[in-house]
Amino acid sequence: ETTPTQHDTLRDRPAPDSEHCLAAEQKPLFEKVDHNEELDDEALQSPLPHILEQAYYFEQAGIGLGKDESYRIWLALKQLADKGQIDKLRFWGKIFGTQKNYFIAEAEQNVDDETDENELHEEAHISDDNRHPNEEEMDGEEDMLPKSNYKPPPVVPKEERGTGVNKYTYYVCNHPGGVWVKLPIVTPAQISQARLIKHYFTGDLNKEITSYPAYSGTERNYLRAQIARISATSSVSPAGKFKFSEEEEETEDEGARESYQENEDFKGATLSELLDEELNG
């Protein structure tokens, strides 16, 4: 009998290392897809920005992820955009973890998605925490304990998808070519708790967070809260680049205005104006 090829009597076959496993997962990114159907003009419009061009400008400033990794990220985002229901898509950034890293994509969707299982589980968890003991259970106790007059502060309601801090939907994967996972919406309580703790990301979305004070949620909730904090503190635009609609300007409400639009008449400052000492203070 002949010896099977997968068994070597003289030397054991080495187990595949992490590099070969990663190459096997990223191989579908480089495969060509044949589109036999004719696509209209709307289908040909890609929601992806010019990621390779942006990577070139970042490289000129001495920062960035490199050409090879940027190209793989572009292929992974293209794979995510091909699933549909995404109007705009961009690469948000990369967060390093102790075991795995996070590659984050920011998407703008107009389609009303169904409620995620994580959101349903979160709402059920909040309702269980706010549940009070029944009167029958209190009557069964022999020694009545003194009742506290403390009333917890009201829970700040969360913002729905497409509004406020949940305006964009975020997808995350551990490496280009991996499975994109949709992150749940973030609540005001999770953002407030994220300010009070320091935690190293591990790369596991289901990892429980051990901290003081305790954090209500797993690493996926903590990651989503930190994305909201970083996005809020790093957004900047030139004066006059965006404007509010005329209807909102006429309203007398002093509340925060959420909707805005790009000013078509905006003209950026010239290089001579930017070099002017009076403008730079």
Protein backbone atom coordinates (compact mmCIF):
# COMPACT_ATOMS: atom_id res chain seq x y z
CA GLU A 1 0.00 0.00 0.00
CA THR A 2 1.16 3.52 -0.77
CA THR A 3 1.57 6.03 2.00
CA PRO A 4 -0.96 8.91 1.83
CA THR A 5 0.52 12.20 0.72
CA GLN A 6 -0.65 14.06 3.83
CA HIS A 7 1.40 11.75 6.08
CA ASP A 8 5.17 11.79 5.93
CA THR A 9 6.99 8.92 7.59
CA LEU A 10 10.27 10.84 7.79
CA ARG A 11 9.17 14.32 8.82
CA ASP A 12 5.96 15.76 10.19
CA ARG A 13 4.23 18.38 8.10
CA PRO A 14 4.41 21.79 9.78
CA ALA A 15 1.16 23.31 10.93
CA PRO A 16 0.03 26.39 8.97
CA ASP A 17 1.17 29.58 10.65
CA SER A 18 -0.80 32.78 11.13
CA GLU A 19 0.57 34.39 7.95
CA HIS A 20 -0.67 31.55 5.73
CA CYS A 21 -4.08 31.59 7.45
CA LEU A 22 -4.34 35.36 6.95
CA ALA A 23 -3.37 35.03 3.28
CA ALA A 24 -6.07 32.40 2.77
CA GLU A 25 -8.71 34.71 4.29
CA GLN A 26 -7.59 37.70 2.21
CA LYS A 27 -7.44 35.74 -1.04
CA PRO A 28 -11.13 36.42 -1.94
CA LEU A 29 -10.39 40.16 -1.88
CA PHE A 30 -8.22 39.84 -4.99
CA GLU A 31 -10.60 37.64 -6.97
CA LYS A 32 -12.34 39.30 -9.89
CA VAL A 33 -16.12 39.34 -10.00
CA ASP A 34 -17.73 39.08 -13.43
CA HIS A 35 -20.83 41.26 -13.76
CA ASN A 36 -22.92 39.78 -16.55
CA GLU A 37 -25.87 42.08 -15.89
CA GLU A 38 -25.90 45.60 -17.25
CA LEU A 39 -25.68 48.18 -14.48
CA ASP A 40 -27.37 51.56 -14.58
CA ASP A 41 -25.73 54.87 -13.68
CA GLU A 42 -26.86 54.73 -10.05
CA ALA A 43 -25.39 51.25 -9.58
CA LEU A 44 -22.07 52.36 -11.06
CA GLN A 45 -21.71 55.16 -8.50
CA SER A 46 -19.55 53.84 -5.69
CA PRO A 47 -20.08 55.06 -2.10
CA LEU A 48 -16.35 54.71 -1.47
CA PRO A 49 -14.05 57.76 -1.40
CA HIS A 50 -10.61 57.84 -3.00
CA ILE A 51 -8.89 55.93 -0.21
CA LEU A 52 -5.65 55.38 -2.11
CA GLU A 53 -5.44 59.08 -2.94
CA GLN A 54 -6.03 59.98 0.70
CA ALA A 55 -3.37 57.48 1.76
CA TYR A 56 -0.93 59.18 -0.62
CA TYR A 57 -1.45 62.57 1.02
CA PHE A 58 -1.13 61.06 4.49
CA GLU A 59 2.10 59.42 3.39
CA GLN A 60 3.46 62.80 2.30
CA ALA A 61 2.92 64.01 5.87
CA GLY A 62 4.76 61.00 7.29
CA ILE A 63 1.71 59.20 8.68
CA GLY A 64 -0.60 56.48 7.45
CA LEU A 65 -0.86 52.72 7.21
CA GLY A 66 1.30 52.09 4.15
CA LYS A 67 0.42 51.31 0.55
CA ASP A 68 -0.09 47.57 0.96
CA GLU A 69 -2.39 47.81 3.97
CA SER A 70 -4.29 50.76 2.49
CA TYR A 71 -4.96 48.76 -0.67
CA ARG A 72 -6.24 45.79 1.34
CA ILE A 73 -8.48 48.12 3.35
CA TRP A 74 -9.88 49.55 0.12
CA LEU A 75 -10.67 46.04 -1.13
CA ALA A 76 -12.33 45.15 2.18
CA LEU A 77 -14.46 48.31 2.10
CA LYS A 78 -15.42 47.58 -1.49
CA GLN A 79 -16.54 44.13 -0.39
CA LEU A 80 -18.69 45.73 2.32
CA ALA A 81 -20.15 48.29 -0.09
CA ASP A 82 -21.16 45.56 -2.55
CA LYS A 83 -23.65 44.24 0.00
CA GLY A 84 -25.85 47.27 -0.71
CA GLN A 85 -27.97 49.57 1.49
CA ILE A 86 -25.00 51.92 2.00
CA ASP A 87 -25.05 55.46 0.63
CA LYS A 88 -21.64 56.62 1.86
CA LEU A 89 -18.76 54.63 3.26
CA ARG A 90 -15.35 55.64 4.51
CA PHE A 91 -12.49 54.18 6.51
CA TRP A 92 -12.77 55.59 10.03
CA GLY A 93 -9.49 54.30 11.44
CA LYS A 94 -7.54 51.51 13.07
CA ILE A 95 -7.38 50.75 16.80
CA PHE A 96 -4.67 48.47 18.12
CA GLY A 97 -5.49 45.71 20.59
CA THR A 98 -3.48 43.40 22.79
CA GLN A 99 -4.49 40.30 20.82
CA LYS A 100 -6.13 41.60 17.62
CA ASN A 101 -6.68 44.98 16.01
CA TYR A 102 -9.86 46.76 14.95
CA PHE A 103 -10.40 48.14 11.45
CA ILE A 104 -13.43 50.44 11.57
CA ALA A 105 -15.65 51.58 8.70
CA GLU A 106 -18.16 54.44 8.95
CA ALA A 107 -21.33 54.07 6.86
CA GLU A 108 -24.28 56.32 6.19
CA GLN A 109 -27.50 54.43 5.53
CA ASN A 110 -30.95 55.71 4.67
CA VAL A 111 -32.59 52.30 4.93
CA ASP A 112 -34.33 51.68 8.25
CA ASP A 113 -32.63 48.56 9.50
CA GLU A 114 -34.30 46.16 11.85
CA THR A 115 -33.43 46.36 15.51
CA ASP A 116 -30.33 44.37 16.35
CA GLU A 117 -30.35 41.54 18.85
CA ASN A 118 -27.83 43.46 20.94
CA GLU A 119 -30.21 46.41 21.19
CA LEU A 120 -33.08 44.17 22.27
CA HIS A 121 -30.86 42.52 24.88
CA GLU A 122 -29.75 45.93 26.13
CA GLU A 123 -33.32 47.19 26.49
CA ALA A 124 -34.28 44.05 28.39
CA HIS A 125 -31.28 44.50 30.69
CA ILE A 126 -32.28 48.09 31.47
CA SER A 127 -35.87 47.09 32.20
CA ASP A 128 -34.69 44.37 34.60
CA ASP A 129 -32.53 46.84 36.50
CA ASN A 130 -35.43 49.27 36.90
CA ARG A 131 -37.82 46.59 38.14
CA HIS A 132 -39.10 47.04 41.70
CA PRO A 133 -40.02 44.20 44.08
CA ASN A 134 -43.66 43.22 44.21
CA GLU A 135 -45.83 44.04 47.18
CA GLU A 136 -46.51 40.35 47.73
CA GLU A 137 -42.81 39.70 48.22
CA MET A 138 -42.62 42.56 50.71
CA ASP A 139 -45.58 41.21 52.71
CA GLY A 140 -43.94 37.81 53.03
CA GLU A 141 -40.94 39.20 54.87
CA GLU A 142 -41.04 38.99 58.65
CA ASP A 143 -38.85 41.99 59.41
CA MET A 144 -39.58 44.98 57.25
CA LEU A 145 -36.41 46.81 56.29
CA PRO A 146 -36.41 50.59 56.26
CA LYS A 147 -37.20 52.05 52.88
CA SER A 148 -34.75 54.41 51.27
CA ASN A 149 -35.95 57.74 49.95
CA TYR A 150 -33.21 57.83 47.33
CA LYS A 151 -34.45 58.13 43.78
CA PRO A 152 -31.98 57.43 40.98
CA PRO A 153 -31.68 60.10 38.30
CA PRO A 154 -33.84 59.52 35.24
CA VAL A 155 -32.26 57.56 32.42
CA VAL A 156 -31.31 59.77 29.49
CA PRO A 157 -33.04 58.34 26.41
CA LYS A 158 -30.83 57.05 23.63
CA GLU A 159 -30.84 58.59 20.17
CA GLU A 160 -32.19 56.49 17.35
CA ARG A 161 -30.16 55.46 14.33
CA GLY A 162 -29.56 58.28 11.89
CA THR A 163 -29.74 61.03 14.52
CA GLY A 164 -27.26 62.66 16.87
CA VAL A 165 -24.40 60.51 18.06
CA ASN A 166 -25.91 57.53 16.20
CA LYS A 167 -26.05 59.32 12.86
CA TYR A 168 -23.57 56.90 11.32
CA THR A 169 -23.40 53.12 11.47
CA TYR A 170 -20.04 51.54 12.21
CA TYR A 171 -18.70 48.20 11.05
CA VAL A 172 -15.58 46.57 12.44
CA CYS A 173 -13.31 43.65 11.55
CA ASN A 174 -10.03 42.34 12.94
CA HIS A 175 -8.17 42.42 9.62
CA PRO A 176 -8.93 43.28 5.98
CA GLY A 177 -10.77 40.33 4.50
CA GLY A 178 -12.39 39.34 7.79
CA VAL A 179 -16.09 39.38 8.54
CA TRP A 180 -17.55 42.86 9.05
CA VAL A 181 -19.51 43.11 12.30
CA LYS A 182 -22.10 45.83 12.80
CA LEU A 183 -21.69 47.69 16.08
CA PRO A 184 -24.78 48.52 18.17
CA ILE A 185 -25.95 52.05 18.83
CA VAL A 186 -24.43 53.88 21.78
CA THR A 187 -26.29 55.25 24.78
CA PRO A 188 -25.49 58.38 26.82
CA ALA A 189 -24.79 56.21 29.87
CA GLN A 190 -22.15 54.20 28.01
CA ILE A 191 -20.38 57.37 26.87
CA SER A 192 -20.38 58.79 30.40
CA GLN A 193 -19.00 55.55 31.83
CA ALA A 194 -16.31 55.38 29.13
CA ARG A 195 -14.91 58.70 30.38
CA LEU A 196 -14.35 57.27 33.86
CA ILE A 197 -12.33 54.14 33.03
CA LYS A 198 -9.20 53.13 31.14
CA HIS A 199 -9.20 49.80 29.39
CA TYR A 200 -6.94 48.13 26.82
CA PHE A 201 -8.75 46.73 23.81
CA THR A 202 -8.20 43.02 23.28
CA GLY A 203 -9.75 42.59 19.83
CA ASP A 204 -12.59 40.41 21.13
CA LEU A 205 -15.96 42.15 20.84
CA ASN A 206 -17.58 39.78 23.35
CA LYS A 207 -14.92 40.34 26.01
CA GLU A 208 -16.31 41.45 29.37
CA ILE A 209 -14.78 44.62 30.79
CA THR A 210 -13.46 44.43 34.33
CA SER A 211 -13.04 47.95 35.66
CA TYR A 212 -13.92 50.32 38.43
CA PRO A 213 -16.42 51.83 38.22
CA ALA A 214 -18.13 48.91 36.52
CA TYR A 215 -18.94 49.28 32.84
CA SER A 216 -22.35 48.10 31.67
CA GLY A 217 -21.60 46.28 28.45
CA THR A 218 -18.99 44.30 26.59
CA GLU A 219 -16.02 45.48 24.56
CA ARG A 220 -18.23 46.12 21.53
CA ASN A 221 -20.18 48.72 23.54
CA TYR A 222 -16.99 50.25 24.91
CA LEU A 223 -15.52 50.41 21.40
CA ARG A 224 -18.64 52.13 20.08
CA ALA A 225 -18.53 54.66 22.94
CA GLN A 226 -14.88 55.50 22.27
CA ILE A 227 -15.61 55.91 18.56
CA ALA A 228 -18.29 58.45 19.44
CA ARG A 229 -15.92 60.34 21.75
CA ILE A 230 -13.06 60.42 19.23
CA SER A 231 -15.36 61.48 16.38
CA ALA A 232 -16.84 64.31 18.43
CA THR A 233 -13.46 65.73 19.47
CA SER A 234 -11.68 65.39 16.10
CA SER A 235 -14.28 66.89 13.74
CA VAL A 236 -13.19 70.23 12.27
CA SER A 237 -14.24 72.24 9.22
CA PRO A 238 -13.40 75.70 7.83
CA ALA A 239 -15.74 78.55 8.70
CA GLY A 240 -18.53 78.77 6.14
CA LYS A 241 -18.03 75.24 4.74
CA PHE A 242 -21.43 74.11 6.03
CA LYS A 243 -24.65 76.00 6.65
CA PHE A 244 -28.06 75.38 8.13
CA SER A 245 -31.20 75.40 6.05
CA GLU A 246 -33.21 78.61 5.79
CA GLU A 247 -36.13 77.08 7.66
CA GLU A 248 -33.99 76.32 10.70
CA GLU A 249 -32.45 79.79 10.67
CA GLU A 250 -35.91 81.37 10.86
CA THR A 251 -36.98 79.28 13.84
CA GLU A 252 -36.70 80.87 17.26
CA ASP A 253 -35.85 77.67 19.11
CA GLU A 254 -32.54 77.86 20.91
CA GLY A 255 -32.01 74.09 20.92
CA ALA A 256 -29.22 72.31 19.10
CA ARG A 257 -29.65 72.03 15.33
CA GLU A 258 -28.72 68.68 13.87
CA SER A 259 -29.31 68.94 10.12
CA TYR A 260 -26.93 70.96 7.98
CA GLN A 261 -25.87 71.08 4.36
CA GLU A 262 -22.75 71.92 2.43
CA ASN A 263 -22.42 75.51 1.29
CA GLU A 264 -22.08 75.51 -2.49
CA ASP A 265 -20.82 79.12 -2.52
CA PHE A 266 -17.96 78.36 -0.15
CA LYS A 267 -14.49 79.33 -1.36
CA GLY A 268 -11.48 78.36 0.68
CA ALA A 269 -8.77 80.80 1.64
CA THR A 270 -5.85 81.17 -0.73
CA LEU A 271 -2.30 80.33 0.23
CA SER A 272 -1.37 84.01 0.59
CA GLU A 273 -4.27 84.53 2.99
CA LEU A 274 -3.26 81.51 5.04
CA LEU A 275 0.29 82.87 5.33
CA ASP A 276 -0.94 86.28 6.46
CA GLU A 277 0.32 86.99 9.97
CA GLU A 278 -2.80 88.97 10.88
CA LEU A 279 -5.06 85.98 10.22
CA ASN A 280 -2.77 83.63 12.11
CA GLY A 281 -2.61 85.95 15.12
